[in-house]
Amino acid sequence: MSVSCFVYYRVLADRIPEATLAARKVINRIQALTGVSARLMTKTGEPLVWMEVYEDVEDQTAFLSTMRICVEHADLERWLDGDRQRHVELFQCA
């Protein structure tokens, strides 16, 4: 059964261009390696809170492993604010 993967985090206000470039690198690399595309979104009213949305993830374990490698390679966490964590949630259809 496929799942949807939601990843949310807060970026540094003075590093939006760097964070955007890194997030796009992550998304593009994940798509190249897994075939799963994503949308990069910002929270309404809070433009520093971002979300990556990945749909139709078949192999959760492999996908999450690939994601970790891609995030490290793009150095995305360098541009995160607060706890510098990407929060990952997986959902399936009810």
PDB file of N, CA and C in Angstrom:
ATOM      1  N   MET A   1       0.841  -1.174   0.000  1.00  0.00           N
ATOM      2  CA  MET A   1       0.000   0.000   0.000  1.00  0.00           C
ATOM      3  C   MET A   1       0.891   1.244   0.000  1.00  0.00           C
ATOM      4  N   SER A   2       0.595   2.161  -0.863  1.00  0.00           N
ATOM      5  CA  SER A   2       1.384   3.386  -0.914  1.00  0.00           C
ATOM      6  C   SER A   2       0.934   4.367   0.172  1.00  0.00           C
ATOM      7  N   VAL A   3       1.848   5.245   0.524  1.00  0.00           N
ATOM      8  CA  VAL A   3       1.580   6.258   1.534  1.00  0.00           C
ATOM      9  C   VAL A   3       1.947   7.625   0.980  1.00  0.00           C
ATOM     10  N   SER A   4       1.508   8.660   1.683  1.00  0.00           N
ATOM     11  CA  SER A   4       1.924  10.030   1.408  1.00  0.00           C
ATOM     12  C   SER A   4       2.878  10.435   2.521  1.00  0.00           C
ATOM     13  N   CYS A   5       3.922  11.136   2.149  1.00  0.00           N
ATOM     14  CA  CYS A   5       4.935  11.568   3.105  1.00  0.00           C
ATOM     15  C   CYS A   5       4.919  13.091   3.180  1.00  0.00           C
ATOM     16  N   PHE A   6       4.733  13.599   4.390  1.00  0.00           N
ATOM     17  CA  PHE A   6       4.708  15.040   4.634  1.00  0.00           C
ATOM     18  C   PHE A   6       5.910  15.388   5.504  1.00  0.00           C
ATOM     19  N   VAL A   7       6.697  16.351   5.061  1.00  0.00           N
ATOM     20  CA  VAL A   7       7.894  16.763   5.789  1.00  0.00           C
ATOM     21  C   VAL A   7       7.802  18.262   6.026  1.00  0.00           C
ATOM     22  N   TYR A   8       7.817  18.664   7.294  1.00  0.00           N
ATOM     23  CA  TYR A   8       7.715  20.095   7.577  1.00  0.00           C
ATOM     24  C   TYR A   8       8.881  20.560   8.432  1.00  0.00           C
ATOM     25  N   TYR A   9       9.226  21.845   8.254  1.00  0.00           N
ATOM     26  CA  TYR A   9      10.356  22.436   8.959  1.00  0.00           C
ATOM     27  C   TYR A   9      10.303  23.945   8.821  1.00  0.00           C
ATOM     28  N   ARG A  10      11.108  24.628   9.629  1.00  0.00           N
ATOM     29  CA  ARG A  10      11.189  26.092   9.603  1.00  0.00           C
ATOM     30  C   ARG A  10      12.568  26.484   9.093  1.00  0.00           C
ATOM     31  N   VAL A  11      12.609  27.408   8.146  1.00  0.00           N
ATOM     32  CA  VAL A  11      13.882  27.864   7.586  1.00  0.00           C
ATOM     33  C   VAL A  11      14.302  29.190   8.221  1.00  0.00           C
ATOM     34  N   LEU A  12      15.585  29.468   8.132  1.00  0.00           N
ATOM     35  CA  LEU A  12      16.119  30.729   8.642  1.00  0.00           C
ATOM     36  C   LEU A  12      15.654  31.882   7.757  1.00  0.00           C
ATOM     37  N   ALA A  13      15.178  32.948   8.367  1.00  0.00           N
ATOM     38  CA  ALA A  13      14.615  34.080   7.622  1.00  0.00           C
ATOM     39  C   ALA A  13      15.629  34.722   6.678  1.00  0.00           C
ATOM     40  N   ASP A  14      16.878  34.762   7.092  1.00  0.00           N
ATOM     41  CA  ASP A  14      17.888  35.424   6.265  1.00  0.00           C
ATOM     42  C   ASP A  14      18.604  34.462   5.316  1.00  0.00           C
ATOM     43  N   ARG A  15      18.096  33.233   5.209  1.00  0.00           N
ATOM     44  CA  ARG A  15      18.729  32.228   4.344  1.00  0.00           C
ATOM     45  C   ARG A  15      17.722  31.546   3.410  1.00  0.00           C
ATOM     46  N   ILE A  16      16.670  32.247   3.064  1.00  0.00           N
ATOM     47  CA  ILE A  16      15.641  31.656   2.204  1.00  0.00           C
ATOM     48  C   ILE A  16      16.199  31.219   0.846  1.00  0.00           C
ATOM     49  N   PRO A  17      17.031  32.022   0.170  1.00  0.00           N
ATOM     50  CA  PRO A  17      17.558  31.548  -1.124  1.00  0.00           C
ATOM     51  C   PRO A  17      18.370  30.252  -1.002  1.00  0.00           C
ATOM     52  N   GLU A  18      19.203  30.165   0.023  1.00  0.00           N
ATOM     53  CA  GLU A  18      20.005  28.961   0.233  1.00  0.00           C
ATOM     54  C   GLU A  18      19.123  27.766   0.576  1.00  0.00           C
ATOM     55  N   ALA A  19      18.129  27.999   1.432  1.00  0.00           N
ATOM     56  CA  ALA A  19      17.214  26.928   1.815  1.00  0.00           C
ATOM     57  C   ALA A  19      16.403  26.448   0.616  1.00  0.00           C
ATOM     58  N   THR A  20      15.982  27.377  -0.220  1.00  0.00           N
ATOM     59  CA  THR A  20      15.212  27.006  -1.418  1.00  0.00           C
ATOM     60  C   THR A  20      16.054  26.138  -2.333  1.00  0.00           C
ATOM     61  N   LEU A  21      17.276  26.536  -2.588  1.00  0.00           N
ATOM     62  CA  LEU A  21      18.166  25.769  -3.451  1.00  0.00           C
ATOM     63  C   LEU A  21      18.395  24.367  -2.889  1.00  0.00           C
ATOM     64  N   ALA A  22      18.652  24.282  -1.586  1.00  0.00           N
ATOM     65  CA  ALA A  22      18.888  22.984  -0.960  1.00  0.00           C
ATOM     66  C   ALA A  22      17.638  22.106  -1.005  1.00  0.00           C
ATOM     67  N   ALA A  23      16.473  22.674  -0.721  1.00  0.00           N
ATOM     68  CA  ALA A  23      15.226  21.897  -0.753  1.00  0.00           C
ATOM     69  C   ALA A  23      14.934  21.396  -2.158  1.00  0.00           C
ATOM     70  N   ARG A  24      15.170  22.224  -3.152  1.00  0.00           N
ATOM     71  CA  ARG A  24      14.959  21.798  -4.545  1.00  0.00           C
ATOM     72  C   ARG A  24      15.929  20.683  -4.934  1.00  0.00           C
ATOM     73  N   LYS A  25      17.162  20.764  -4.439  1.00  0.00           N
ATOM     74  CA  LYS A  25      18.132  19.694  -4.700  1.00  0.00           C
ATOM     75  C   LYS A  25      17.641  18.378  -4.108  1.00  0.00           C
ATOM     76  N   VAL A  26      17.122  18.436  -2.883  1.00  0.00           N
ATOM     77  CA  VAL A  26      16.601  17.234  -2.233  1.00  0.00           C
ATOM     78  C   VAL A  26      15.453  16.646  -3.061  1.00  0.00           C
ATOM     79  N   ILE A  27      14.490  17.483  -3.390  1.00  0.00           N
ATOM     80  CA  ILE A  27      13.313  17.028  -4.137  1.00  0.00           C
ATOM     81  C   ILE A  27      13.700  16.443  -5.491  1.00  0.00           C
ATOM     82  N   ASN A  28      14.573  17.133  -6.207  1.00  0.00           N
ATOM     83  CA  ASN A  28      14.982  16.661  -7.534  1.00  0.00           C
ATOM     84  C   ASN A  28      15.757  15.349  -7.459  1.00  0.00           C
ATOM     85  N   ARG A  29      16.620  15.236  -6.469  1.00  0.00           N
ATOM     86  CA  ARG A  29      17.413  14.005  -6.324  1.00  0.00           C
ATOM     87  C   ARG A  29      16.529  12.836  -5.909  1.00  0.00           C
ATOM     88  N   ILE A  30      15.601  13.081  -5.004  1.00  0.00           N
ATOM     89  CA  ILE A  30      14.670  12.017  -4.607  1.00  0.00           C
ATOM     90  C   ILE A  30      13.874  11.538  -5.821  1.00  0.00           C
ATOM     91  N   GLN A  31      13.407  12.472  -6.630  1.00  0.00           N
ATOM     92  CA  GLN A  31      12.650  12.070  -7.812  1.00  0.00           C
ATOM     93  C   GLN A  31      13.521  11.258  -8.774  1.00  0.00           C
ATOM     94  N   ALA A  32      14.761  11.679  -8.955  1.00  0.00           N
ATOM     95  CA  ALA A  32      15.657  10.956  -9.853  1.00  0.00           C
ATOM     96  C   ALA A  32      15.932   9.532  -9.351  1.00  0.00           C
ATOM     97  N   LEU A  33      16.042   9.375  -8.048  1.00  0.00           N
ATOM     98  CA  LEU A  33      16.386   8.069  -7.477  1.00  0.00           C
ATOM     99  C   LEU A  33      15.193   7.156  -7.243  1.00  0.00           C
ATOM    100  N   THR A  34      14.024   7.747  -6.960  1.00  0.00           N
ATOM    101  CA  THR A  34      12.868   6.914  -6.584  1.00  0.00           C
ATOM    102  C   THR A  34      11.691   7.020  -7.547  1.00  0.00           C
ATOM    103  N   GLY A  35      11.676   8.062  -8.360  1.00  0.00           N
ATOM    104  CA  GLY A  35      10.532   8.300  -9.232  1.00  0.00           C
ATOM    105  C   GLY A  35       9.382   9.011  -8.540  1.00  0.00           C
ATOM    106  N   VAL A  36       9.548   9.342  -7.258  1.00  0.00           N
ATOM    107  CA  VAL A  36       8.497  10.010  -6.493  1.00  0.00           C
ATOM    108  C   VAL A  36       8.736  11.515  -6.559  1.00  0.00           C
ATOM    109  N   SER A  37       7.750  12.245  -7.077  1.00  0.00           N
ATOM    110  CA  SER A  37       7.873  13.697  -7.163  1.00  0.00           C
ATOM    111  C   SER A  37       7.284  14.343  -5.906  1.00  0.00           C
ATOM    112  N   ALA A  38       7.559  15.638  -5.760  1.00  0.00           N
ATOM    113  CA  ALA A  38       7.090  16.342  -4.564  1.00  0.00           C
ATOM    114  C   ALA A  38       6.687  17.759  -4.897  1.00  0.00           C
ATOM    115  N   ARG A  39       5.924  18.322  -3.978  1.00  0.00           N
ATOM    116  CA  ARG A  39       5.606  19.756  -4.018  1.00  0.00           C
ATOM    117  C   ARG A  39       6.287  20.387  -2.824  1.00  0.00           C
ATOM    118  N   LEU A  40       6.843  21.585  -3.032  1.00  0.00           N
ATOM    119  CA  LEU A  40       7.398  22.369  -1.940  1.00  0.00           C
ATOM    120  C   LEU A  40       6.415  23.480  -1.657  1.00  0.00           C
ATOM    121  N   MET A  41       5.972  23.574  -0.400  1.00  0.00           N
ATOM    122  CA  MET A  41       4.928  24.521  -0.041  1.00  0.00           C
ATOM    123  C   MET A  41       5.376  25.353   1.158  1.00  0.00           C
ATOM    124  N   THR A  42       4.726  26.513   1.340  1.00  0.00           N
ATOM    125  CA  THR A  42       4.928  27.313   2.542  1.00  0.00           C
ATOM    126  C   THR A  42       3.589  27.437   3.258  1.00  0.00           C
ATOM    127  N   LYS A  43       3.659  27.580   4.565  1.00  0.00           N
ATOM    128  CA  LYS A  43       2.439  27.676   5.364  1.00  0.00           C
ATOM    129  C   LYS A  43       1.806  29.050   5.174  1.00  0.00           C
ATOM    130  N   THR A  44       0.511  29.070   4.994  1.00  0.00           N
ATOM    131  CA  THR A  44      -0.225  30.318   4.861  1.00  0.00           C
ATOM    132  C   THR A  44      -0.025  31.170   6.108  1.00  0.00           C
ATOM    133  N   GLY A  45       0.432  32.383   5.906  1.00  0.00           N
ATOM    134  CA  GLY A  45       0.642  33.296   7.024  1.00  0.00           C
ATOM    135  C   GLY A  45       1.954  33.100   7.763  1.00  0.00           C
ATOM    136  N   GLU A  46       2.677  32.032   7.464  1.00  0.00           N
ATOM    137  CA  GLU A  46       3.979  31.757   8.089  1.00  0.00           C
ATOM    138  C   GLU A  46       4.950  31.278   7.008  1.00  0.00           C
ATOM    139  N   PRO A  47       5.467  32.188   6.205  1.00  0.00           N
ATOM    140  CA  PRO A  47       6.271  31.796   5.042  1.00  0.00           C
ATOM    141  C   PRO A  47       7.600  31.114   5.376  1.00  0.00           C
ATOM    142  N   LEU A  48       7.985  31.072   6.636  1.00  0.00           N
ATOM    143  CA  LEU A  48       9.219  30.381   7.004  1.00  0.00           C
ATOM    144  C   LEU A  48       8.980  28.913   7.353  1.00  0.00           C
ATOM    145  N   VAL A  49       7.721  28.506   7.426  1.00  0.00           N
ATOM    146  CA  VAL A  49       7.382  27.103   7.669  1.00  0.00           C
ATOM    147  C   VAL A  49       7.109  26.466   6.316  1.00  0.00           C
ATOM    148  N   TRP A  50       7.919  25.475   5.991  1.00  0.00           N
ATOM    149  CA  TRP A  50       7.837  24.822   4.687  1.00  0.00           C
ATOM    150  C   TRP A  50       7.378  23.382   4.842  1.00  0.00           C
ATOM    151  N   MET A  51       6.819  22.867   3.755  1.00  0.00           N
ATOM    152  CA  MET A  51       6.420  21.470   3.724  1.00  0.00           C
ATOM    153  C   MET A  51       6.737  20.877   2.358  1.00  0.00           C
ATOM    154  N   GLU A  52       7.320  19.692   2.391  1.00  0.00           N
ATOM    155  CA  GLU A  52       7.492  18.884   1.188  1.00  0.00           C
ATOM    156  C   GLU A  52       6.418  17.806   1.241  1.00  0.00           C
ATOM    157  N   VAL A  53       5.716  17.604   0.129  1.00  0.00           N
ATOM    158  CA  VAL A  53       4.660  16.595   0.074  1.00  0.00           C
ATOM    159  C   VAL A  53       5.000  15.604  -1.030  1.00  0.00           C
ATOM    160  N   TYR A  54       5.172  14.358  -0.637  1.00  0.00           N
ATOM    161  CA  TYR A  54       5.473  13.266  -1.557  1.00  0.00           C
ATOM    162  C   TYR A  54       4.278  12.325  -1.572  1.00  0.00           C
ATOM    163  N   GLU A  55       3.780  12.012  -2.751  1.00  0.00           N
ATOM    164  CA  GLU A  55       2.610  11.127  -2.883  1.00  0.00           C
ATOM    165  C   GLU A  55       3.021   9.782  -3.475  1.00  0.00           C
ATOM    166  N   ASP A  56       2.247   8.772  -3.182  1.00  0.00           N
ATOM    167  CA  ASP A  56       2.416   7.438  -3.763  1.00  0.00           C
ATOM    168  C   ASP A  56       3.787   6.828  -3.499  1.00  0.00           C
ATOM    169  N   VAL A  57       4.201   6.873  -2.243  1.00  0.00           N
ATOM    170  CA  VAL A  57       5.447   6.236  -1.834  1.00  0.00           C
ATOM    171  C   VAL A  57       5.149   4.758  -1.588  1.00  0.00           C
ATOM    172  N   GLU A  58       5.787   3.890  -2.355  1.00  0.00           N
ATOM    173  CA  GLU A  58       5.519   2.452  -2.254  1.00  0.00           C
ATOM    174  C   GLU A  58       6.359   1.775  -1.177  1.00  0.00           C
ATOM    175  N   ASP A  59       7.664   1.977  -1.208  1.00  0.00           N
ATOM    176  CA  ASP A  59       8.570   1.329  -0.261  1.00  0.00           C
ATOM    177  C   ASP A  59       9.029   2.373   0.750  1.00  0.00           C
ATOM    178  N   GLN A  60       8.341   2.422   1.882  1.00  0.00           N
ATOM    179  CA  GLN A  60       8.604   3.458   2.889  1.00  0.00           C
ATOM    180  C   GLN A  60      10.039   3.425   3.400  1.00  0.00           C
ATOM    181  N   THR A  61      10.534   2.257   3.699  1.00  0.00           N
ATOM    182  CA  THR A  61      11.872   2.123   4.270  1.00  0.00           C
ATOM    183  C   THR A  61      12.931   2.634   3.300  1.00  0.00           C
ATOM    184  N   ALA A  62      12.869   2.195   2.067  1.00  0.00           N
ATOM    185  CA  ALA A  62      13.842   2.628   1.053  1.00  0.00           C
ATOM    186  C   ALA A  62      13.706   4.121   0.787  1.00  0.00           C
ATOM    187  N   PHE A  63      12.477   4.606   0.732  1.00  0.00           N
ATOM    188  CA  PHE A  63      12.247   6.023   0.466  1.00  0.00           C
ATOM    189  C   PHE A  63      12.845   6.890   1.569  1.00  0.00           C
ATOM    190  N   LEU A  64      12.578   6.552   2.815  1.00  0.00           N
ATOM    191  CA  LEU A  64      13.084   7.343   3.937  1.00  0.00           C
ATOM    192  C   LEU A  64      14.607   7.301   4.012  1.00  0.00           C
ATOM    193  N   SER A  65      15.183   6.174   3.687  1.00  0.00           N
ATOM    194  CA  SER A  65      16.637   6.062   3.646  1.00  0.00           C
ATOM    195  C   SER A  65      17.216   6.954   2.551  1.00  0.00           C
ATOM    196  N   THR A  66      16.606   6.913   1.384  1.00  0.00           N
ATOM    197  CA  THR A  66      17.035   7.761   0.270  1.00  0.00           C
ATOM    198  C   THR A  66      16.884   9.228   0.632  1.00  0.00           C
ATOM    199  N   MET A  67      15.779   9.570   1.283  1.00  0.00           N
ATOM    200  CA  MET A  67      15.551  10.955   1.685  1.00  0.00           C
ATOM    201  C   MET A  67      16.648  11.440   2.626  1.00  0.00           C
ATOM    202  N   ARG A  68      17.007  10.630   3.619  1.00  0.00           N
ATOM    203  CA  ARG A  68      18.063  11.022   4.561  1.00  0.00           C
ATOM    204  C   ARG A  68      19.374  11.316   3.829  1.00  0.00           C
ATOM    205  N   ILE A  69      19.723  10.473   2.899  1.00  0.00           N
ATOM    206  CA  ILE A  69      20.959  10.666   2.138  1.00  0.00           C
ATOM    207  C   ILE A  69      20.888  11.948   1.313  1.00  0.00           C
ATOM    208  N   CYS A  70      19.758  12.184   0.673  1.00  0.00           N
ATOM    209  CA  CYS A  70      19.587  13.380  -0.157  1.00  0.00           C
ATOM    210  C   CYS A  70      19.650  14.663   0.674  1.00  0.00           C
ATOM    211  N   VAL A  71      19.056  14.649   1.857  1.00  0.00           N
ATOM    212  CA  VAL A  71      19.080  15.813   2.752  1.00  0.00           C
ATOM    213  C   VAL A  71      20.509  16.101   3.198  1.00  0.00           C
ATOM    214  N   GLU A  72      21.238  15.049   3.556  1.00  0.00           N
ATOM    215  CA  GLU A  72      22.637  15.225   3.959  1.00  0.00           C
ATOM    216  C   GLU A  72      23.469  15.779   2.802  1.00  0.00           C
ATOM    217  N   HIS A  73      23.273  15.217   1.636  1.00  0.00           N
ATOM    218  CA  HIS A  73      24.054  15.641   0.461  1.00  0.00           C
ATOM    219  C   HIS A  73      23.795  17.103   0.108  1.00  0.00           C
ATOM    220  N   ALA A  74      22.546  17.555   0.232  1.00  0.00           N
ATOM    221  CA  ALA A  74      22.183  18.945  -0.091  1.00  0.00           C
ATOM    222  C   ALA A  74      22.481  19.897   1.064  1.00  0.00           C
ATOM    223  N   ASP A  75      22.814  19.361   2.231  1.00  0.00           N
ATOM    224  CA  ASP A  75      23.109  20.161   3.433  1.00  0.00           C
ATOM    225  C   ASP A  75      21.923  21.052   3.812  1.00  0.00           C
ATOM    226  N   LEU A  76      20.717  20.551   3.610  1.00  0.00           N
ATOM    227  CA  LEU A  76      19.510  21.334   3.865  1.00  0.00           C
ATOM    228  C   LEU A  76      19.372  21.750   5.330  1.00  0.00           C
ATOM    229  N   GLU A  77      19.710  20.865   6.248  1.00  0.00           N
ATOM    230  CA  GLU A  77      19.506  21.180   7.664  1.00  0.00           C
ATOM    231  C   GLU A  77      20.340  22.374   8.124  1.00  0.00           C
ATOM    232  N   ARG A  78      21.352  22.715   7.385  1.00  0.00           N
ATOM    233  CA  ARG A  78      22.173  23.895   7.698  1.00  0.00           C
ATOM    234  C   ARG A  78      21.341  25.174   7.690  1.00  0.00           C
ATOM    235  N   TRP A  79      20.273  25.195   6.884  1.00  0.00           N
ATOM    236  CA  TRP A  79      19.472  26.402   6.679  1.00  0.00           C
ATOM    237  C   TRP A  79      18.166  26.387   7.480  1.00  0.00           C
ATOM    238  N   LEU A  80      18.050  25.445   8.414  1.00  0.00           N
ATOM    239  CA  LEU A  80      16.831  25.344   9.211  1.00  0.00           C
ATOM    240  C   LEU A  80      16.954  26.125  10.505  1.00  0.00           C
ATOM    241  N   ASP A  81      15.825  26.640  10.965  1.00  0.00           N
ATOM    242  CA  ASP A  81      15.759  27.417  12.193  1.00  0.00           C
ATOM    243  C   ASP A  81      15.217  26.539  13.313  1.00  0.00           C
ATOM    244  N   GLY A  82      15.274  27.065  14.508  1.00  0.00           N
ATOM    245  CA  GLY A  82      14.696  26.370  15.657  1.00  0.00           C
ATOM    246  C   GLY A  82      15.455  25.113  15.996  1.00  0.00           C
ATOM    247  N   ASP A  83      14.769  23.987  16.021  1.00  0.00           N
ATOM    248  CA  ASP A  83      15.393  22.725  16.403  1.00  0.00           C
ATOM    249  C   ASP A  83      16.194  22.096  15.264  1.00  0.00           C
ATOM    250  N   ARG A  84      16.201  22.756  14.106  1.00  0.00           N
ATOM    251  CA  ARG A  84      16.944  22.277  12.929  1.00  0.00           C
ATOM    252  C   ARG A  84      16.546  20.858  12.547  1.00  0.00           C
ATOM    253  N   GLN A  85      15.301  20.547  12.746  1.00  0.00           N
ATOM    254  CA  GLN A  85      14.797  19.216  12.437  1.00  0.00           C
ATOM    255  C   GLN A  85      13.767  19.264  11.325  1.00  0.00           C
ATOM    256  N   ARG A  86      13.807  18.273  10.494  1.00  0.00           N
ATOM    257  CA  ARG A  86      12.748  18.031   9.509  1.00  0.00           C
ATOM    258  C   ARG A  86      11.824  17.004  10.148  1.00  0.00           C
ATOM    259  N   HIS A  87      10.556  17.320  10.236  1.00  0.00           N
ATOM    260  CA  HIS A  87       9.582  16.437  10.858  1.00  0.00           C
ATOM    261  C   HIS A  87       8.865  15.665   9.754  1.00  0.00           C
ATOM    262  N   VAL A  88       8.985  14.341   9.805  1.00  0.00           N
ATOM    263  CA  VAL A  88       8.455  13.481   8.763  1.00  0.00           C
ATOM    264  C   VAL A  88       7.245  12.726   9.285  1.00  0.00           C
ATOM    265  N   GLU A  89       6.155  12.795   8.528  1.00  0.00           N
ATOM    266  CA  GLU A  89       4.923  12.076   8.875  1.00  0.00           C
ATOM    267  C   GLU A  89       4.465  11.284   7.653  1.00  0.00           C
ATOM    268  N   LEU A  90       4.049  10.046   7.868  1.00  0.00           N
ATOM    269  CA  LEU A  90       3.534   9.197   6.797  1.00  0.00           C
ATOM    270  C   LEU A  90       2.045   8.954   7.033  1.00  0.00           C
ATOM    271  N   PHE A  91       1.252   9.079   5.973  1.00  0.00           N
ATOM    272  CA  PHE A  91      -0.188   8.863   6.049  1.00  0.00           C
ATOM    273  C   PHE A  91      -0.623   7.909   4.944  1.00  0.00           C
ATOM    274  N   GLN A  92      -1.631   7.107   5.249  1.00  0.00           N
ATOM    275  CA  GLN A  92      -2.222   6.216   4.259  1.00  0.00           C
ATOM    276  C   GLN A  92      -3.712   6.503   4.174  1.00  0.00           C
ATOM    277  N   CYS A  93      -4.304   6.105   3.087  1.00  0.00           N
ATOM    278  CA  CYS A  93      -5.744   6.304   2.930  1.00  0.00           C
ATOM    279  C   CYS A  93      -6.503   5.474   3.953  1.00  0.00           C
ATOM    280  N   ALA A  94      -7.543   6.068   4.479  1.00  0.00           N
ATOM    281  CA  ALA A  94      -8.361   5.375   5.485  1.00  0.00           C
ATOM    282  C   ALA A  94      -9.357   4.448   4.815  1.00  0.00           C
TER     283      ALA A  94
END
